[in-house]
Amino acid sequence: RPPAPPPPGAPSARVLFLTDLHWDRLYTPGSDPACPDPLCCRGAARPGPGGAGFWGEYSKCDLPLHTIAGLLAQLRHAGPFAAAYWTGDIPAHNVWQQRREDQLLALRTVTALLRQHLGALPVYPAVGNHEATPVNAFPPPYVHGNQSSAWLYDAMAEAWQDWLPPPALETLRAAGFYTVQVWPGLRLVSLNMNFCSQANFWLLINSTDPAGQLQWLVGVLEAAEQQGEKVHIIGHIPPAHCLRSWSWNYYRIVNRFEGTIAAQFFGHTHVDEFEMFYDEETLTRPVSVAFVAPSVTTYINLNPGYRVYEVDGAYNGSSHAVLDHETFILNLTEANVPGAEPHWQRLYRAREAYGMATAFPADWDLLIRRFQDDERLFQRFWYHFHKGHPPREPCLEACKAALLCALRTGRSADPSLCRVLRPARPFRQILQLWRQRQLC
């Protein structure tokens, strides 16, 4: 049964969503934003104009801590929120310089900042790919000793113990994933998507289900189904960016439990997009949507941003589905003017911007089909896709074909999901275009 709009007067809840903060503790206002290194806006400030802005910079730069603190401080006027979902990537992109001590400092510093500004708000984190060092290196749980991820998971369990109950901390320590009840009728599953990552070299040993996480997920969803609970799934890397075997098995699980999984939330790509899931029999009936929220960081050439989801609230018979979402940004062009005060502003509200009746899977599927013929609507999406700071090169035919294909593809390396789209492009060409825009 597809979700139905809530009855008149039914309560809703606002969920704060933060992802990809990427704090750079060496960010220096006035430094070189166009350096030859993979990460800039660091080191000594240069005299004269053209240096990195105080609040951030449109370049291959991450964020200073005062920008992240400014975002969190203004949230007290943007609430109230029922919960916060936080899907990882805390350290900066200077991956060639990082040690375990650096990663733990970032984890503890940013966690303390969230606790300071969000107070008693329940926060549910997920593990990002940049939390490890070397980056993306997450060995399966059966790897022990100094090569294991115990140093990271133990630190996370210690830092997050006020947010998570003991059973969740136990599986977090074991392999970086957990489940917890958010409120009556709604269960949260936080997945460690590094066990599906194409960049995790440890998965050469076993890429199917290296941590037994998918098997565990099936058990959690089966128990939720029997108890009449709905489930929100959060994770860092979106499913279509996963290794093929893991991605296709996850797609099958979403199909099996489409009546239980109320929503999916991911980050990682730094841009504002989504991934569709269709029934496996015909690949035409939309059964779920994975929302991919934009990053807090500017990396690369973006405004800082965050997302707020409006979900069906806590009452008997609630779908707990996403009813709408809003994206907020800090316009760096305005904020970095000397003497200006930073002003976080709403960039758009989804249903209003795209003329959607509801925000259920069928509506997002219809939106993709509308994009094919309504160029103005698609270019609005392209603008939002980049958090209000699109690249100079317009998104024309090939770019549009690749992006629409990405929106339809909730599982990796499946050309059949894009055959219905116009204009048709060879899937190999679409894959090449996808690789050109990968940021993390």
Protein backbone atom coordinates (compact mmCIF):
# COMPACT_ATOMS: atom_id res chain seq x y z
CA ARG A 1 0.00 0.00 0.00
CA PRO A 2 1.53 3.33 -0.98
CA PRO A 3 1.74 5.97 1.78
CA ALA A 4 -1.23 8.29 2.11
CA PRO A 5 -1.23 11.93 3.17
CA PRO A 6 -1.78 12.32 6.93
CA PRO A 7 -5.29 13.19 8.12
CA PRO A 8 -6.06 16.89 8.71
CA GLY A 9 -4.57 18.12 11.96
CA ALA A 10 -2.17 15.18 12.32
CA PRO A 11 1.12 16.13 13.99
CA SER A 12 4.34 16.32 11.99
CA ALA A 13 7.94 16.45 13.15
CA ARG A 14 10.98 18.35 11.88
CA VAL A 15 14.23 16.39 11.67
CA LEU A 16 17.52 18.27 11.37
CA PHE A 17 19.92 16.62 8.92
CA LEU A 18 23.66 17.36 8.90
CA THR A 19 26.25 15.70 6.69
CA ASP A 20 29.82 16.20 5.46
CA LEU A 21 30.94 18.93 7.85
CA HIS A 22 34.65 18.48 6.97
CA TRP A 23 36.26 20.74 9.58
CA ASP A 24 39.68 22.00 8.51
CA ARG A 25 41.55 23.15 11.62
CA LEU A 26 44.21 24.78 9.40
CA TYR A 27 41.72 26.90 7.43
CA THR A 28 43.05 30.48 7.38
CA PRO A 29 41.04 33.48 6.14
CA GLY A 30 43.10 35.32 3.55
CA SER A 31 45.14 32.26 2.54
CA ASP A 32 45.53 30.97 -1.02
CA PRO A 33 42.24 29.48 -2.32
CA ALA A 34 43.82 28.27 -5.57
CA CYS A 35 46.84 26.30 -4.32
CA PRO A 36 48.23 23.26 -6.20
CA ASP A 37 47.38 20.89 -3.32
CA PRO A 38 44.18 18.79 -3.13
CA LEU A 39 42.96 21.05 -0.30
CA CYS A 40 43.45 24.84 -0.17
CA CYS A 41 42.62 27.87 2.01
CA ARG A 42 45.32 26.80 4.48
CA GLY A 43 48.59 28.23 5.70
CA ALA A 44 49.60 31.86 5.98
CA ALA A 45 47.29 34.69 4.99
CA ARG A 46 48.36 36.66 1.91
CA PRO A 47 48.35 40.45 1.76
CA GLY A 48 45.77 42.11 -0.49
CA PRO A 49 42.47 40.86 -1.97
CA GLY A 50 41.76 37.43 -3.42
CA GLY A 51 42.37 35.40 -0.28
CA ALA A 52 40.06 32.86 1.31
CA GLY A 53 36.90 34.34 2.81
CA PHE A 54 36.33 34.44 6.57
CA TRP A 55 33.30 32.09 6.48
CA GLY A 56 34.46 29.80 3.65
CA GLU A 57 35.45 29.94 0.02
CA TYR A 58 34.22 28.80 -3.41
CA SER A 59 37.18 26.54 -4.10
CA LYS A 60 38.62 23.16 -3.11
CA CYS A 61 38.46 24.22 0.55
CA ASP A 62 36.77 22.88 3.69
CA LEU A 63 35.35 24.91 6.58
CA PRO A 64 36.75 26.68 9.62
CA LEU A 65 35.26 25.70 12.96
CA HIS A 66 33.63 29.11 13.45
CA THR A 67 31.42 28.55 10.37
CA ILE A 68 30.21 25.20 11.71
CA ALA A 69 29.65 26.79 15.12
CA GLY A 70 27.72 29.64 13.48
CA LEU A 71 25.44 27.17 11.72
CA LEU A 72 24.70 25.31 14.95
CA ALA A 73 24.22 28.51 16.98
CA GLN A 74 21.52 29.88 14.68
CA LEU A 75 19.56 26.60 14.86
CA ARG A 76 18.06 27.66 18.19
CA HIS A 77 15.96 30.13 16.17
CA ALA A 78 15.25 27.61 13.37
CA GLY A 79 13.71 24.84 15.49
CA PRO A 80 12.13 23.18 17.23
CA PHE A 81 13.39 19.82 16.01
CA ALA A 82 12.31 16.37 17.13
CA ALA A 83 15.69 14.76 16.37
CA ALA A 84 18.89 15.23 14.40
CA TYR A 85 20.40 12.78 11.90
CA TRP A 86 24.15 13.28 11.34
CA THR A 87 25.72 11.17 8.60
CA GLY A 88 29.43 11.67 9.05
CA ASP A 89 32.56 12.93 7.31
CA ILE A 90 33.93 15.06 10.14
CA PRO A 91 37.63 15.56 9.20
CA ALA A 92 38.90 17.65 6.29
CA HIS A 93 40.16 16.46 2.89
CA ASN A 94 43.88 16.65 3.77
CA VAL A 95 43.89 12.87 3.81
CA TRP A 96 47.64 12.59 3.07
CA GLN A 97 48.45 14.29 6.40
CA GLN A 98 46.03 12.56 8.76
CA ARG A 99 46.86 10.34 11.72
CA ARG A 100 44.52 8.57 14.10
CA GLU A 101 45.05 11.37 16.63
CA ASP A 102 43.79 13.91 14.06
CA GLN A 103 40.63 11.91 13.34
CA LEU A 104 39.85 11.49 17.04
CA LEU A 105 40.38 15.21 17.67
CA ALA A 106 37.90 16.04 14.88
CA LEU A 107 35.38 13.51 16.22
CA ARG A 108 35.53 14.81 19.79
CA THR A 109 35.65 18.50 18.89
CA VAL A 110 32.66 18.47 16.55
CA THR A 111 30.66 16.12 18.80
CA ALA A 112 31.19 18.54 21.70
CA LEU A 113 30.10 21.43 19.49
CA LEU A 114 26.86 19.65 18.57
CA ARG A 115 26.18 18.82 22.19
CA GLN A 116 26.84 22.44 23.20
CA HIS A 117 24.46 23.97 20.66
CA LEU A 118 21.79 21.25 20.29
CA GLY A 119 21.45 20.63 24.01
CA ALA A 120 19.06 17.81 24.84
CA LEU A 121 18.07 17.17 21.20
CA PRO A 122 18.53 13.47 20.37
CA VAL A 123 21.30 13.08 17.77
CA TYR A 124 21.71 9.90 15.73
CA PRO A 125 25.07 9.70 13.91
CA ALA A 126 26.37 7.50 11.09
CA VAL A 127 29.96 6.69 10.17
CA GLY A 128 31.46 8.54 7.18
CA ASN A 129 34.29 7.38 4.94
CA HIS A 130 36.63 10.20 6.05
CA GLU A 131 36.58 9.17 9.71
CA ALA A 132 39.21 6.47 9.08
CA THR A 133 42.86 6.81 8.29
CA PRO A 134 43.86 5.83 5.69
CA VAL A 135 40.69 7.33 4.25
CA ASN A 136 38.07 4.72 3.19
CA ALA A 137 39.94 1.92 5.01
CA PHE A 138 37.38 0.01 7.07
CA PRO A 139 38.40 -3.62 7.66
CA PRO A 140 35.68 -6.19 8.38
CA PRO A 141 35.03 -6.88 12.08
CA TYR A 142 36.92 -10.19 11.98
CA VAL A 143 40.16 -8.26 11.48
CA HIS A 144 41.63 -7.71 14.94
CA GLY A 145 44.66 -6.00 16.44
CA ASN A 146 46.20 -2.73 15.32
CA GLN A 147 44.75 -3.00 11.81
CA SER A 148 41.16 -3.13 13.06
CA SER A 149 38.80 -0.16 13.36
CA ALA A 150 38.39 -0.66 17.12
CA TRP A 151 40.29 2.59 17.83
CA LEU A 152 37.60 4.53 15.91
CA TYR A 153 34.45 2.66 16.97
CA ASP A 154 35.46 2.73 20.67
CA ALA A 155 36.01 6.49 20.47
CA MET A 156 32.64 6.97 18.77
CA ALA A 157 30.87 4.90 21.40
CA GLU A 158 32.50 6.99 24.13
CA ALA A 159 31.70 10.31 22.41
CA TRP A 160 28.09 9.38 21.60
CA GLN A 161 27.13 7.46 24.76
CA ASP A 162 24.71 10.20 25.85
CA TRP A 163 22.80 9.87 22.56
CA LEU A 164 22.63 6.08 22.14
CA PRO A 165 21.39 3.29 24.45
CA PRO A 166 23.70 0.38 25.46
CA PRO A 167 22.47 -2.11 22.79
CA ALA A 168 23.20 0.45 20.05
CA LEU A 169 26.63 1.21 21.50
CA GLU A 170 27.42 -2.51 21.49
CA THR A 171 26.95 -2.96 17.73
CA LEU A 172 28.56 0.44 17.11
CA ARG A 173 31.71 -0.79 18.89
CA ALA A 174 31.60 -4.05 16.94
CA ALA A 175 31.17 -2.74 13.39
CA GLY A 176 29.92 0.86 13.29
CA PHE A 177 26.17 0.27 12.80
CA TYR A 178 23.20 0.20 15.18
CA THR A 179 19.43 0.49 15.60
CA VAL A 180 17.44 2.53 18.11
CA GLN A 181 13.84 3.61 18.68
CA VAL A 182 13.42 7.32 17.85
CA TRP A 183 9.89 7.54 19.25
CA PRO A 184 7.00 5.07 19.62
CA GLY A 185 6.29 3.53 16.23
CA LEU A 186 9.52 4.72 14.58
CA ARG A 187 12.82 2.85 14.57
CA LEU A 188 16.09 4.18 13.19
CA VAL A 189 18.77 2.07 11.51
CA SER A 190 22.22 3.65 11.11
CA LEU A 191 24.26 1.74 8.52
CA ASN A 192 28.03 1.73 8.12
CA MET A 193 28.10 2.24 4.37
CA ASN A 194 31.87 1.85 4.26
CA PHE A 195 31.17 -1.88 4.02
CA CYS A 196 29.82 -1.25 0.53
CA SER A 197 32.29 1.42 -0.58
CA GLN A 198 34.02 1.12 -3.94
CA ALA A 199 37.07 2.80 -2.35
CA ASN A 200 37.44 0.42 0.62
CA PHE A 201 40.30 -1.89 -0.40
CA TRP A 202 39.49 -4.27 2.47
CA LEU A 203 36.40 -5.35 0.53
CA LEU A 204 38.62 -7.19 -1.93
CA ILE A 205 38.38 -9.98 0.66
CA ASN A 206 34.57 -10.04 0.58
CA SER A 207 32.34 -7.44 -1.02
CA THR A 208 28.98 -9.20 -0.63
CA ASP A 209 28.27 -8.62 3.06
CA PRO A 210 31.66 -8.26 4.75
CA ALA A 211 30.36 -7.31 8.19
CA GLY A 212 27.12 -9.32 8.12
CA GLN A 213 25.38 -5.94 8.12
CA LEU A 214 22.79 -6.75 5.46
CA GLN A 215 21.85 -9.98 7.24
CA TRP A 216 21.52 -7.98 10.48
CA LEU A 217 19.42 -5.35 8.65
CA VAL A 218 16.99 -8.02 7.44
CA GLY A 219 16.55 -9.20 11.04
CA VAL A 220 15.90 -5.67 12.31
CA LEU A 221 13.38 -4.97 9.52
CA GLU A 222 11.62 -8.31 10.05
CA ALA A 223 11.23 -7.59 13.78
CA ALA A 224 9.99 -4.06 13.03
CA GLU A 225 7.47 -5.45 10.54
CA GLN A 226 6.12 -7.90 13.12
CA GLN A 227 5.85 -5.16 15.76
CA GLY A 228 4.18 -2.67 13.41
CA GLU A 229 7.09 -0.22 13.50
CA LYS A 230 8.20 2.02 10.64
CA VAL A 231 11.92 2.43 9.96
CA HIS A 232 14.16 5.32 8.92
CA ILE A 233 17.51 4.28 7.45
CA ILE A 234 20.47 6.65 7.61
CA GLY A 235 23.96 6.19 6.19
CA HIS A 236 26.78 8.12 4.60
CA ILE A 237 27.36 6.72 1.10
CA PRO A 238 24.20 6.47 -1.07
CA PRO A 239 23.33 2.93 -2.24
CA ALA A 240 23.97 3.57 -5.95
CA HIS A 241 27.58 4.47 -5.11
CA CYS A 242 28.15 1.04 -3.55
CA LEU A 243 29.79 -2.07 -4.95
CA ARG A 244 27.43 -3.90 -7.26
CA SER A 245 26.71 -7.04 -5.22
CA TRP A 246 26.04 -5.10 -2.01
CA SER A 247 23.96 -2.49 -3.81
CA TRP A 248 21.74 -5.03 -5.58
CA ASN A 249 21.17 -7.00 -2.36
CA TYR A 250 20.28 -3.79 -0.52
CA TYR A 251 17.85 -2.90 -3.34
CA ARG A 252 16.19 -6.28 -2.88
CA ILE A 253 15.87 -5.71 0.87
CA VAL A 254 14.21 -2.32 0.28
CA ASN A 255 11.76 -4.03 -2.09
CA ARG A 256 10.93 -6.75 0.42
CA PHE A 257 10.34 -4.28 3.26
CA GLU A 258 8.81 -1.39 1.30
CA GLY A 259 5.90 -1.28 3.75
CA THR A 260 8.25 -0.97 6.73
CA ILE A 261 10.98 1.37 5.44
CA ALA A 262 9.41 4.83 5.69
CA ALA A 263 12.42 6.83 4.47
CA GLN A 264 16.13 6.67 3.62
CA PHE A 265 18.65 9.47 4.22
CA PHE A 266 22.24 9.74 2.95
CA GLY A 267 24.99 12.29 2.23
CA HIS A 268 28.54 11.92 0.83
CA THR A 269 28.14 13.48 -2.62
CA HIS A 270 28.03 17.06 -1.23
CA VAL A 271 25.24 17.95 -3.66
CA ASP A 272 21.44 17.92 -3.45
CA GLU A 273 19.94 14.87 -5.16
CA PHE A 274 18.00 11.66 -4.59
CA GLU A 275 17.93 8.03 -5.77
CA MET A 276 14.79 6.12 -6.75
CA PHE A 277 13.92 2.52 -5.91
CA TYR A 278 11.43 0.62 -8.11
CA ASP A 279 9.77 -2.78 -7.83
CA GLU A 280 12.15 -5.47 -9.04
CA GLU A 281 9.56 -7.19 -11.22
CA THR A 282 8.89 -4.32 -13.64
CA LEU A 283 11.26 -1.50 -12.55
CA THR A 284 8.33 0.90 -13.04
CA ARG A 285 6.48 1.16 -9.70
CA PRO A 286 8.32 3.51 -7.30
CA VAL A 287 8.64 1.90 -3.86
CA SER A 288 11.14 4.13 -2.06
CA VAL A 289 13.40 7.14 -2.40
CA ALA A 290 16.84 7.69 -0.88
CA PHE A 291 17.22 11.38 -0.10
CA VAL A 292 20.79 12.63 -0.58
CA ALA A 293 21.27 15.91 1.29
CA PRO A 294 23.88 18.54 0.44
CA SER A 295 27.01 19.05 2.54
CA VAL A 296 27.77 21.53 5.26
CA THR A 297 31.23 22.02 3.69
CA THR A 298 31.93 24.14 0.61
CA TYR A 299 34.09 21.47 -1.04
CA ILE A 300 34.12 22.04 -4.04
CA ASN A 301 32.78 25.49 -5.14
CA LEU A 302 29.60 25.27 -3.05
CA ASN A 303 27.80 27.29 -0.39
CA PRO A 304 27.65 25.73 3.08
CA GLY A 305 24.27 24.09 3.63
CA TYR A 306 22.06 21.80 5.70
CA ARG A 307 18.65 20.13 5.40
CA VAL A 308 15.48 19.92 7.50
CA TYR A 309 12.99 17.10 6.81
CA GLU A 310 9.33 17.35 7.75
CA VAL A 311 8.07 13.85 8.53
CA ASP A 312 4.71 12.41 9.51
CA GLY A 313 4.62 12.66 13.31
CA ALA A 314 4.09 10.31 16.23
CA TYR A 315 0.48 9.09 16.31
CA ASN A 316 -1.33 5.80 15.72
CA GLY A 317 -1.31 4.93 12.03
CA SER A 318 1.44 7.41 11.10
CA SER A 319 3.41 6.61 7.95
CA HIS A 320 6.49 8.42 9.38
CA ALA A 321 7.22 9.25 5.72
CA VAL A 322 8.85 12.45 4.51
CA LEU A 323 6.17 15.07 3.85
CA ASP A 324 8.52 17.84 2.62
CA HIS A 325 12.03 19.12 3.08
CA GLU A 326 13.81 22.47 3.25
CA THR A 327 17.42 23.30 2.37
CA PHE A 328 19.27 26.16 4.03
CA ILE A 329 22.50 27.81 2.88
CA LEU A 330 25.00 30.47 3.82
CA ASN A 331 25.54 32.62 0.71
CA LEU A 332 29.31 33.15 0.84
CA THR A 333 29.24 36.04 -1.64
CA GLU A 334 27.10 37.99 0.82
CA ALA A 335 28.60 36.66 4.05
CA ASN A 336 32.22 37.44 3.14
CA VAL A 337 31.57 41.12 2.41
CA PRO A 338 33.60 43.09 5.01
CA GLY A 339 31.38 44.06 7.92
CA ALA A 340 28.52 41.77 6.88
CA GLU A 341 26.82 39.41 9.33
CA PRO A 342 26.40 35.78 8.23
CA HIS A 343 22.78 35.07 7.37
CA TRP A 344 21.67 31.45 6.95
CA GLN A 345 18.67 31.49 4.63
CA ARG A 346 16.24 28.99 3.19
CA LEU A 347 17.21 28.20 -0.38
CA TYR A 348 13.99 26.33 -1.20
CA ARG A 349 11.22 24.07 0.03
CA ALA A 350 10.88 20.95 -2.12
CA ARG A 351 7.12 20.71 -2.74
CA GLU A 352 6.79 24.44 -3.34
CA ALA A 353 9.81 24.65 -5.67
CA TYR A 354 8.83 21.64 -7.80
CA GLY A 355 5.04 21.84 -7.63
CA MET A 356 4.62 18.43 -5.98
CA ALA A 357 1.32 17.28 -4.48
CA THR A 358 3.13 15.20 -1.84
CA ALA A 359 6.73 14.03 -1.28
CA PHE A 360 6.14 10.29 -1.59
CA PRO A 361 8.15 8.05 -3.99
CA ALA A 362 5.57 8.36 -6.78
CA ASP A 363 5.93 12.15 -6.69
CA TRP A 364 9.71 12.01 -7.10
CA ASP A 365 9.36 9.55 -9.97
CA LEU A 366 6.88 11.90 -11.65
CA LEU A 367 9.29 14.80 -11.09
CA ILE A 368 12.03 13.01 -13.06
CA ARG A 369 9.61 12.53 -15.95
CA ARG A 370 8.64 16.21 -15.77
CA PHE A 371 12.32 17.18 -15.93
CA GLN A 372 12.56 15.59 -19.39
CA ASP A 373 10.15 18.09 -20.98
CA ASP A 374 10.22 21.09 -18.64
CA GLU A 375 13.67 22.63 -19.10
CA ARG A 376 13.01 25.51 -16.75
CA LEU A 377 12.07 23.08 -13.97
CA PHE A 378 15.19 21.00 -14.59
CA GLN A 379 17.45 24.06 -14.49
CA ARG A 380 15.86 25.02 -11.16
CA PHE A 381 16.83 21.57 -9.90
CA TRP A 382 20.36 22.07 -11.28
CA TYR A 383 20.61 25.33 -9.30
CA HIS A 384 19.46 23.62 -6.10
CA PHE A 385 21.69 20.64 -6.87
CA HIS A 386 24.70 22.96 -6.31
CA LYS A 387 23.23 24.77 -3.27
CA GLY A 388 22.64 27.97 -5.19
CA HIS A 389 26.13 28.18 -6.70
CA PRO A 390 26.08 26.22 -9.99
CA PRO A 391 29.17 25.92 -12.20
CA ARG A 392 29.65 28.27 -15.13
CA GLU A 393 29.19 25.47 -17.64
CA PRO A 394 25.45 24.84 -18.16
CA CYS A 395 23.96 21.38 -17.81
CA LEU A 396 23.02 20.53 -21.39
CA GLU A 397 21.93 17.34 -23.14
CA ALA A 398 24.65 14.87 -22.08
CA CYS A 399 24.85 16.29 -18.55
CA LYS A 400 21.08 16.17 -18.20
CA ALA A 401 20.86 12.57 -19.44
CA ALA A 402 23.51 11.49 -16.92
CA LEU A 403 21.87 13.32 -14.03
CA LEU A 404 18.36 11.99 -14.73
CA CYS A 405 19.80 8.51 -15.00
CA ALA A 406 21.52 8.96 -11.63
CA LEU A 407 18.22 10.01 -10.04
CA ARG A 408 16.52 6.83 -11.28
CA THR A 409 19.37 4.53 -10.24
CA GLY A 410 19.12 3.34 -6.64
CA ARG A 411 21.41 0.40 -7.39
CA SER A 412 24.81 0.56 -9.05
CA ALA A 413 25.71 -0.49 -12.59
CA ASP A 414 22.17 -1.14 -13.81
CA PRO A 415 21.56 0.26 -17.30
CA SER A 416 17.98 -1.06 -17.36
CA LEU A 417 16.85 1.67 -14.95
CA CYS A 418 17.70 4.42 -17.46
CA ARG A 419 16.34 2.96 -20.70
CA VAL A 420 13.00 4.73 -20.31
CA LEU A 421 14.63 8.15 -20.23
CA ARG A 422 14.93 10.69 -23.01
CA PRO A 423 17.34 11.59 -24.49
CA ALA A 424 18.82 8.10 -24.60
CA ARG A 425 22.57 7.79 -24.03
CA PRO A 426 24.85 4.74 -23.93
CA PHE A 427 25.22 3.66 -20.30
CA ARG A 428 29.01 3.55 -20.62
CA GLN A 429 29.01 7.24 -21.56
CA ILE A 430 26.73 8.01 -18.61
CA LEU A 431 29.12 6.23 -16.24
CA GLN A 432 32.00 8.37 -17.53
CA LEU A 433 30.00 11.52 -16.85
CA TRP A 434 29.19 10.30 -13.32
CA ARG A 435 32.86 9.75 -12.52
CA GLN A 436 33.72 13.30 -13.55
CA ARG A 437 31.51 14.78 -10.82
CA GLN A 438 32.48 12.53 -7.89
CA LEU A 439 33.82 14.70 -5.06
CA CYS A 440 34.55 12.28 -2.23
